[in-house]
Amino acid sequence: MLDWLYNLLGTMLAWFSSITGSYALALLLYALLFKIVFLPFSIKQQKNQIAMAKLTPKIEAIRAKYRGRTDQVTMRKQQEEIMELQRKEGYSPLSGCLPMLLQMPIIVFLYNVIRNPLSYLAKIPEGVMNVINTVLNPDGKLDQIALAGKLSNLRVTDIEKYGELTTALDGSGMTLPEIIDKLPNFNLWGLNLADTPKIASWLVLIPILAAGFQWFTMFLSRKMNGNPQAATADQQTQMSMRIMDLIFPAMTIWLTFSFSAMMGLYWIYQSIIGIIQMIILSKLMPIPKFTEEEIKAMQKEAKKAAKEQNAIIKTQPKYKSLHYIDEDDYEELPEVKSSDKKKSDQPSSSDRPEIKD
């Protein structure tokens, strides 16, 4: 159903490959193009971070109000106050997630196209692909990038397999030379990027650089955002952030050692372009940064405003009652006069049972 989209993206990547003469450079243009396409989402996310940074001191003031109390009623009330503050300020927590959710399906399509150059760039029919897999990839361990790299070097590396595949392709509608001519150039600086990185190879630099740039992207993002929420986070939250800073690069290393080096190269491009974009947006749309003194001053102002609001509420008429949902809502409990108490203890005329003769 989505073949038309895969074919469109594959044709675009094949065109980049033809004008640059290199699949590695084609991936660079590909990554740059889609960073530009996703730029409105990045701008929206930047605005969301600015709004969150402005709200953070006020949110911290609310949390400070309930600090040390972990019962469910108090935690629910704290969350309600935070949500009410966000509503008044016109901020939606989901606004930061929505751009990412919209991008995810498109990113999946991009990666599928990159990982399957034989199907979407060279446009090799499924029947011909089955013949190639039967001869060169019977155990199914090679992805299409690695298989394409093996095909392009087959005449030099394994003349026997070359002859076997030539014979097997008879009557399939394509000859082996035609297939090889359609393949992109996977070589860069003498390295075949269609190969899977190994420790005893210069390709080992690809996983290391991919993980390093990803870690630097997360570090730079936290540094440039200047979000006071991270600075005022508790020890457990800060520890979770440090663990995430290690988990994602570790996963990147594992994945780049599992696929062709071309995938790792694409992730490096994405990180580098993302860093440049982050720097530009932070200059054009800077996120507010607050010192600890400024945060404390904002919290003090928020408390002052809350006291003034409570004072106004106390001047309003209210029902006299000895029951309070949360006594901490009041700086001083309303005084109940003894006469009022006695009256309240006596049943009203409406509550007295009717006596019939």
Protein backbone atom coordinates (compact mmCIF):
# COMPACT_ATOMS: atom_id res chain seq x y z
CA MET A 1 0.00 0.00 0.00
CA LEU A 2 2.92 2.34 0.77
CA ASP A 3 5.09 1.16 -2.13
CA TRP A 4 4.52 4.47 -3.93
CA LEU A 5 6.07 6.36 -0.99
CA TYR A 6 9.04 4.01 -0.74
CA ASN A 7 9.59 4.27 -4.50
CA LEU A 8 9.40 8.09 -4.35
CA LEU A 9 11.97 8.32 -1.56
CA GLY A 10 14.15 5.72 -3.27
CA THR A 11 14.07 7.62 -6.58
CA MET A 12 15.10 10.78 -4.74
CA LEU A 13 18.03 9.02 -3.06
CA ALA A 14 19.05 7.40 -6.37
CA TRP A 15 19.06 10.87 -7.99
CA PHE A 16 21.28 12.24 -5.21
CA SER A 17 23.60 9.26 -5.72
CA SER A 18 23.81 9.83 -9.47
CA ILE A 19 24.67 13.56 -9.20
CA THR A 20 27.27 13.07 -6.44
CA GLY A 21 28.71 9.76 -7.66
CA SER A 22 28.77 8.50 -4.07
CA TYR A 23 26.13 6.89 -1.89
CA ALA A 24 27.78 8.40 1.21
CA LEU A 25 27.40 11.94 -0.17
CA ALA A 26 23.88 11.13 -1.35
CA LEU A 27 22.99 10.24 2.26
CA LEU A 28 24.34 13.62 3.39
CA LEU A 29 22.03 15.46 0.97
CA TYR A 30 19.19 13.14 2.01
CA ALA A 31 19.70 13.93 5.72
CA LEU A 32 19.97 17.65 4.99
CA LEU A 33 16.79 17.67 2.90
CA PHE A 34 14.67 16.06 5.59
CA LYS A 35 16.11 18.25 8.33
CA ILE A 36 14.78 21.17 6.27
CA VAL A 37 11.41 19.42 5.81
CA PHE A 38 11.16 18.85 9.57
CA LEU A 39 12.33 22.39 10.42
CA PRO A 40 8.79 23.67 11.27
CA PHE A 41 8.49 20.87 13.84
CA SER A 42 11.86 21.83 15.32
CA ILE A 43 10.78 25.48 15.57
CA LYS A 44 7.55 24.40 17.27
CA GLN A 45 9.55 22.32 19.74
CA GLN A 46 11.88 25.25 20.44
CA LYS A 47 8.89 27.48 21.23
CA ASN A 48 7.54 24.77 23.51
CA GLN A 49 10.85 24.65 25.41
CA ILE A 50 10.80 28.44 25.78
CA ALA A 51 7.28 28.29 27.24
CA MET A 52 8.30 25.47 29.58
CA ALA A 53 11.38 27.39 30.75
CA LYS A 54 9.23 30.40 31.63
CA LEU A 55 6.81 28.21 33.59
CA THR A 56 9.40 26.15 35.44
CA PRO A 57 10.04 28.60 38.35
CA LYS A 58 6.29 28.85 38.99
CA ILE A 59 5.95 25.07 38.88
CA GLU A 60 8.85 24.72 41.30
CA ALA A 61 7.08 27.16 43.66
CA ILE A 62 4.02 24.88 43.64
CA ARG A 63 6.17 21.83 44.32
CA ALA A 64 7.95 23.65 47.15
CA LYS A 65 4.55 24.32 48.71
CA TYR A 66 3.86 20.59 49.00
CA ARG A 67 7.42 19.35 49.54
CA GLY A 68 7.72 16.55 52.08
CA ARG A 69 4.13 15.37 51.64
CA THR A 70 3.72 12.23 49.54
CA ASP A 71 0.16 11.12 50.26
CA GLN A 72 -2.10 10.59 47.25
CA VAL A 73 -4.48 13.45 48.06
CA THR A 74 -1.64 15.98 48.31
CA MET A 75 0.10 14.71 45.17
CA ARG A 76 -3.18 14.90 43.24
CA LYS A 77 -3.78 18.44 44.46
CA GLN A 78 -0.23 19.45 43.47
CA GLN A 79 -0.76 18.04 39.98
CA GLU A 80 -4.09 19.85 39.65
CA GLU A 81 -2.43 23.17 40.53
CA ILE A 82 0.34 22.60 38.00
CA MET A 83 -2.19 21.71 35.28
CA GLU A 84 -4.25 24.79 36.11
CA LEU A 85 -1.14 26.97 35.85
CA GLN A 86 -0.29 25.46 32.46
CA ARG A 87 -3.86 26.01 31.28
CA LYS A 88 -3.82 29.69 32.31
CA GLU A 89 -0.49 30.24 30.57
CA GLY A 90 -1.68 28.50 27.40
CA TYR A 91 0.92 25.73 27.62
CA SER A 92 0.15 22.13 26.70
CA PRO A 93 2.56 19.34 27.79
CA LEU A 94 1.54 17.34 24.70
CA SER A 95 2.66 20.11 22.34
CA GLY A 96 6.28 18.97 22.73
CA CYS A 97 5.45 15.33 21.96
CA LEU A 98 3.19 15.93 18.97
CA PRO A 99 5.96 17.02 16.53
CA MET A 100 7.97 13.89 17.40
CA LEU A 101 4.96 11.62 16.96
CA LEU A 102 4.24 13.12 13.52
CA GLN A 103 7.85 12.62 12.42
CA MET A 104 8.19 8.99 13.54
CA PRO A 105 6.32 7.32 10.63
CA ILE A 106 8.28 9.36 8.07
CA ILE A 107 11.59 8.53 9.77
CA VAL A 108 10.70 4.82 9.62
CA PHE A 109 10.09 5.15 5.86
CA LEU A 110 13.46 6.90 5.41
CA TYR A 111 15.38 4.18 7.22
CA ASN A 112 13.63 1.43 5.27
CA VAL A 113 14.65 3.09 2.00
CA ILE A 114 18.25 3.55 3.15
CA ARG A 115 18.49 -0.08 4.29
CA ASN A 116 17.04 -1.46 1.04
CA PRO A 117 18.94 0.13 -1.87
CA LEU A 118 18.43 -2.88 -4.15
CA SER A 119 14.64 -2.64 -3.93
CA TYR A 120 14.15 1.14 -3.89
CA LEU A 121 17.23 2.61 -5.61
CA ALA A 122 18.22 -0.03 -8.16
CA LYS A 123 14.52 -1.05 -8.57
CA ILE A 124 15.42 -4.73 -8.82
CA PRO A 125 12.25 -6.87 -9.17
CA GLU A 126 11.29 -9.25 -6.38
CA GLY A 127 11.88 -12.34 -8.56
CA VAL A 128 15.45 -11.26 -9.33
CA MET A 129 16.02 -10.46 -5.63
CA ASN A 130 14.96 -14.01 -4.74
CA VAL A 131 17.57 -15.42 -7.15
CA ILE A 132 20.30 -13.18 -5.69
CA ASN A 133 19.38 -14.18 -2.13
CA THR A 134 19.36 -17.88 -3.03
CA VAL A 135 22.93 -17.72 -4.34
CA LEU A 136 24.61 -15.05 -2.18
CA ASN A 137 22.47 -14.83 0.96
CA PRO A 138 20.92 -18.27 1.65
CA ASP A 139 21.02 -17.83 5.45
CA GLY A 140 19.49 -14.32 5.26
CA LYS A 141 22.23 -12.73 7.40
CA LEU A 142 23.08 -9.91 5.00
CA ASP A 143 21.01 -6.73 4.76
CA GLN A 144 20.53 -5.19 1.32
CA ILE A 145 23.37 -2.68 1.73
CA ALA A 146 25.85 -5.47 2.53
CA LEU A 147 24.41 -7.60 -0.27
CA ALA A 148 24.76 -4.72 -2.73
CA GLY A 149 28.38 -4.23 -1.64
CA LYS A 150 29.03 -7.93 -2.19
CA LEU A 151 27.44 -7.78 -5.64
CA SER A 152 29.51 -4.79 -6.76
CA ASN A 153 32.79 -6.56 -5.83
CA LEU A 154 31.74 -10.07 -6.88
CA ARG A 155 33.83 -10.20 -10.08
CA VAL A 156 36.97 -9.43 -8.07
CA THR A 157 36.33 -11.27 -4.80
CA ASP A 158 34.59 -14.49 -5.92
CA ILE A 159 34.62 -15.31 -9.63
CA GLU A 160 33.02 -18.73 -8.96
CA LYS A 161 29.95 -17.14 -7.31
CA TYR A 162 29.91 -14.60 -10.13
CA GLY A 163 29.52 -17.39 -12.68
CA GLU A 164 26.96 -19.24 -10.54
CA LEU A 165 24.82 -16.12 -10.16
CA THR A 166 25.14 -15.30 -13.87
CA THR A 167 23.75 -18.74 -14.72
CA ALA A 168 21.00 -18.49 -12.11
CA LEU A 169 19.83 -15.14 -13.51
CA ASP A 170 19.26 -16.54 -17.01
CA GLY A 171 15.62 -16.05 -17.89
CA SER A 172 14.97 -13.72 -14.90
CA GLY A 173 14.79 -10.62 -17.10
CA MET A 174 18.04 -9.04 -15.86
CA THR A 175 21.69 -9.91 -16.32
CA LEU A 176 24.33 -9.58 -13.61
CA PRO A 177 26.20 -6.70 -15.38
CA GLU A 178 22.89 -4.78 -15.63
CA ILE A 179 22.28 -5.24 -11.91
CA ILE A 180 25.82 -4.12 -10.99
CA ASP A 181 25.48 -0.99 -13.19
CA LYS A 182 22.39 0.04 -11.21
CA LEU A 183 24.17 -0.18 -7.85
CA PRO A 184 25.33 3.00 -6.09
CA ASN A 185 28.99 3.55 -5.21
CA PHE A 186 29.50 2.52 -1.59
CA ASN A 187 33.21 3.36 -1.44
CA LEU A 188 34.50 6.35 0.51
CA TRP A 189 38.21 7.09 1.07
CA GLY A 190 39.08 3.53 0.11
CA LEU A 191 36.57 1.98 2.53
CA ASN A 192 33.55 -0.07 1.48
CA LEU A 193 30.76 1.36 3.66
CA ALA A 194 28.48 -1.52 2.69
CA ASP A 195 30.52 -3.75 5.04
CA THR A 196 29.58 -4.27 8.67
CA PRO A 197 32.00 -2.53 11.07
CA LYS A 198 34.51 -4.80 12.84
CA ILE A 199 37.00 -4.10 15.60
CA ALA A 200 40.03 -4.83 13.37
CA SER A 201 38.97 -2.34 10.70
CA TRP A 202 38.92 1.41 10.10
CA LEU A 203 35.13 1.07 9.95
CA VAL A 204 35.19 0.75 13.75
CA LEU A 205 35.34 4.56 13.76
CA ILE A 206 31.76 4.72 12.46
CA PRO A 207 30.08 3.27 15.62
CA ILE A 208 32.40 5.27 17.89
CA LEU A 209 31.67 8.55 16.10
CA ALA A 210 27.91 7.82 15.89
CA ALA A 211 27.71 7.19 19.66
CA GLY A 212 29.99 10.14 20.45
CA PHE A 213 27.95 12.61 18.40
CA GLN A 214 24.71 11.34 19.92
CA TRP A 215 26.05 11.84 23.46
CA PHE A 216 27.30 15.32 22.53
CA THR A 217 23.89 16.19 21.05
CA MET A 218 22.13 15.30 24.32
CA PHE A 219 24.76 17.12 26.39
CA LEU A 220 24.59 20.24 24.23
CA SER A 221 20.79 20.23 24.24
CA ARG A 222 20.67 20.20 28.04
CA LYS A 223 23.41 22.83 28.24
CA MET A 224 21.86 25.24 25.74
CA ASN A 225 18.28 24.85 26.94
CA GLY A 226 19.23 26.15 30.36
CA ASN A 227 16.13 24.47 31.80
CA PRO A 228 16.03 25.22 35.54
CA GLN A 229 13.85 22.18 36.08
CA ALA A 230 16.91 19.97 35.59
CA ALA A 231 18.94 22.08 38.01
CA THR A 232 16.28 21.83 40.72
CA ALA A 233 15.52 18.15 40.10
CA ASP A 234 16.01 15.72 42.95
CA GLN A 235 18.97 13.36 43.12
CA GLN A 236 17.03 10.40 41.70
CA THR A 237 15.91 12.40 38.63
CA GLN A 238 19.44 13.66 37.96
CA MET A 239 20.76 10.09 38.24
CA SER A 240 18.13 8.94 35.70
CA MET A 241 19.32 11.66 33.29
CA ARG A 242 22.93 10.48 33.61
CA ILE A 243 21.90 6.86 32.97
CA MET A 244 19.97 7.88 29.84
CA ASP A 245 23.05 9.76 28.63
CA LEU A 246 24.90 6.44 28.66
CA ILE A 247 22.14 4.08 27.51
CA PHE A 248 21.38 5.78 24.17
CA PRO A 249 25.02 5.97 22.97
CA ALA A 250 25.53 2.34 24.07
CA MET A 251 22.49 1.27 22.02
CA THR A 252 23.84 3.23 19.05
CA ILE A 253 27.17 1.38 19.24
CA TRP A 254 25.38 -1.98 19.39
CA LEU A 255 23.12 -1.16 16.42
CA THR A 256 25.91 0.21 14.23
CA PHE A 257 27.93 -2.97 14.79
CA SER A 258 24.86 -4.96 13.71
CA PHE A 259 24.23 -3.21 10.38
CA SER A 260 26.28 -1.90 7.48
CA ALA A 261 28.51 1.09 8.18
CA MET A 262 26.25 3.16 5.92
CA MET A 263 23.55 3.25 8.62
CA GLY A 264 26.03 4.54 11.19
CA LEU A 265 27.20 7.18 8.72
CA TYR A 266 23.62 8.38 8.28
CA TRP A 267 23.21 8.71 12.07
CA ILE A 268 26.43 10.75 12.18
CA TYR A 269 25.06 13.09 9.50
CA GLN A 270 21.79 13.45 11.44
CA SER A 271 23.64 14.32 14.66
CA ILE A 272 25.96 16.88 13.03
CA ILE A 273 23.12 18.64 11.17
CA GLY A 274 21.01 18.51 14.34
CA ILE A 275 23.78 20.19 16.35
CA ILE A 276 24.12 22.97 13.77
CA GLN A 277 20.34 23.45 13.74
CA MET A 278 20.24 23.54 17.54
CA ILE A 279 22.90 26.26 17.68
CA ILE A 280 21.12 28.39 15.05
CA LEU A 281 17.71 28.10 16.75
CA SER A 282 19.19 28.89 20.15
CA LYS A 283 20.63 32.10 18.73
CA LEU A 284 17.45 33.13 16.91
CA MET A 285 15.02 31.92 19.61
CA PRO A 286 16.96 31.81 22.90
CA ILE A 287 15.51 29.83 25.77
CA PRO A 288 15.34 31.86 29.03
CA LYS A 289 18.01 30.93 31.54
CA PHE A 290 17.61 31.63 35.23
CA THR A 291 20.12 31.69 38.04
CA GLU A 292 19.27 30.06 41.38
CA GLU A 293 18.72 33.54 42.86
CA GLU A 294 16.26 34.42 40.10
CA ILE A 295 14.40 31.15 40.59
CA LYS A 296 14.12 31.79 44.34
CA ALA A 297 12.92 35.34 43.67
CA MET A 298 10.23 34.05 41.29
CA GLN A 299 9.16 31.45 43.82
CA LYS A 300 8.91 34.18 46.47
CA GLU A 301 6.74 36.29 44.17
CA ALA A 302 4.54 33.28 43.43
CA LYS A 303 4.07 32.63 47.17
CA LYS A 304 3.26 36.31 47.74
CA ALA A 305 0.65 36.22 44.97
CA ALA A 306 -0.84 33.04 46.47
CA LYS A 307 -1.12 34.71 49.91
CA GLU A 308 -2.83 37.74 48.38
CA GLN A 309 -5.26 35.44 46.61
CA ASN A 310 -6.00 33.62 49.88
CA ALA A 311 -6.58 36.96 51.61
CA ILE A 312 -9.16 37.88 48.97
CA ILE A 313 -10.86 34.50 49.38
CA LYS A 314 -11.11 35.00 53.15
CA THR A 315 -12.99 38.25 52.67
CA GLN A 316 -15.67 36.45 50.69
CA PRO A 317 -18.77 35.08 52.49
CA LYS A 318 -18.34 31.45 53.40
CA TYR A 319 -20.32 28.82 55.20
CA LYS A 320 -19.36 28.14 58.78
CA SER A 321 -18.26 24.58 59.24
CA LEU A 322 -16.03 22.57 61.52
CA HIS A 323 -14.92 20.33 58.64
CA TYR A 324 -11.98 21.23 56.38
CA ILE A 325 -10.75 19.20 53.45
CA ASP A 326 -7.16 20.36 53.84
CA GLU A 327 -6.19 22.58 56.76
CA ASP A 328 -2.95 23.57 54.98
CA ASP A 329 -5.05 25.58 52.57
CA TYR A 330 -5.49 28.15 55.35
CA GLU A 331 -2.77 30.10 57.07
CA GLU A 332 -5.16 30.45 60.01
CA LEU A 333 -8.31 28.43 60.53
CA PRO A 334 -11.51 30.54 60.56
CA GLU A 335 -12.69 31.08 64.14
CA VAL A 336 -16.00 29.52 65.06
CA LYS A 337 -17.83 31.36 67.87
CA SER A 338 -19.26 29.32 70.71
CA SER A 339 -22.72 30.76 70.09
CA ASP A 340 -22.52 29.64 66.47
CA LYS A 341 -21.36 26.24 67.59
CA LYS A 342 -24.26 25.86 69.98
CA LYS A 343 -26.67 26.94 67.30
CA SER A 344 -25.17 24.50 64.84
CA ASP A 345 -25.50 21.70 67.39
CA GLN A 346 -29.23 22.33 67.71
CA PRO A 347 -31.41 20.88 64.97
CA SER A 348 -33.14 23.44 62.82
CA SER A 349 -36.85 23.57 62.52
CA SER A 350 -36.62 21.90 59.14
CA ASP A 351 -34.67 19.01 60.67
CA ARG A 352 -37.16 18.43 63.55
CA PRO A 353 -39.64 15.60 63.05
CA GLU A 354 -43.17 16.66 62.44
CA ILE A 355 -45.48 15.84 65.39
CA LYS A 356 -49.04 15.06 64.44
CA ASP A 357 -51.97 15.02 66.82
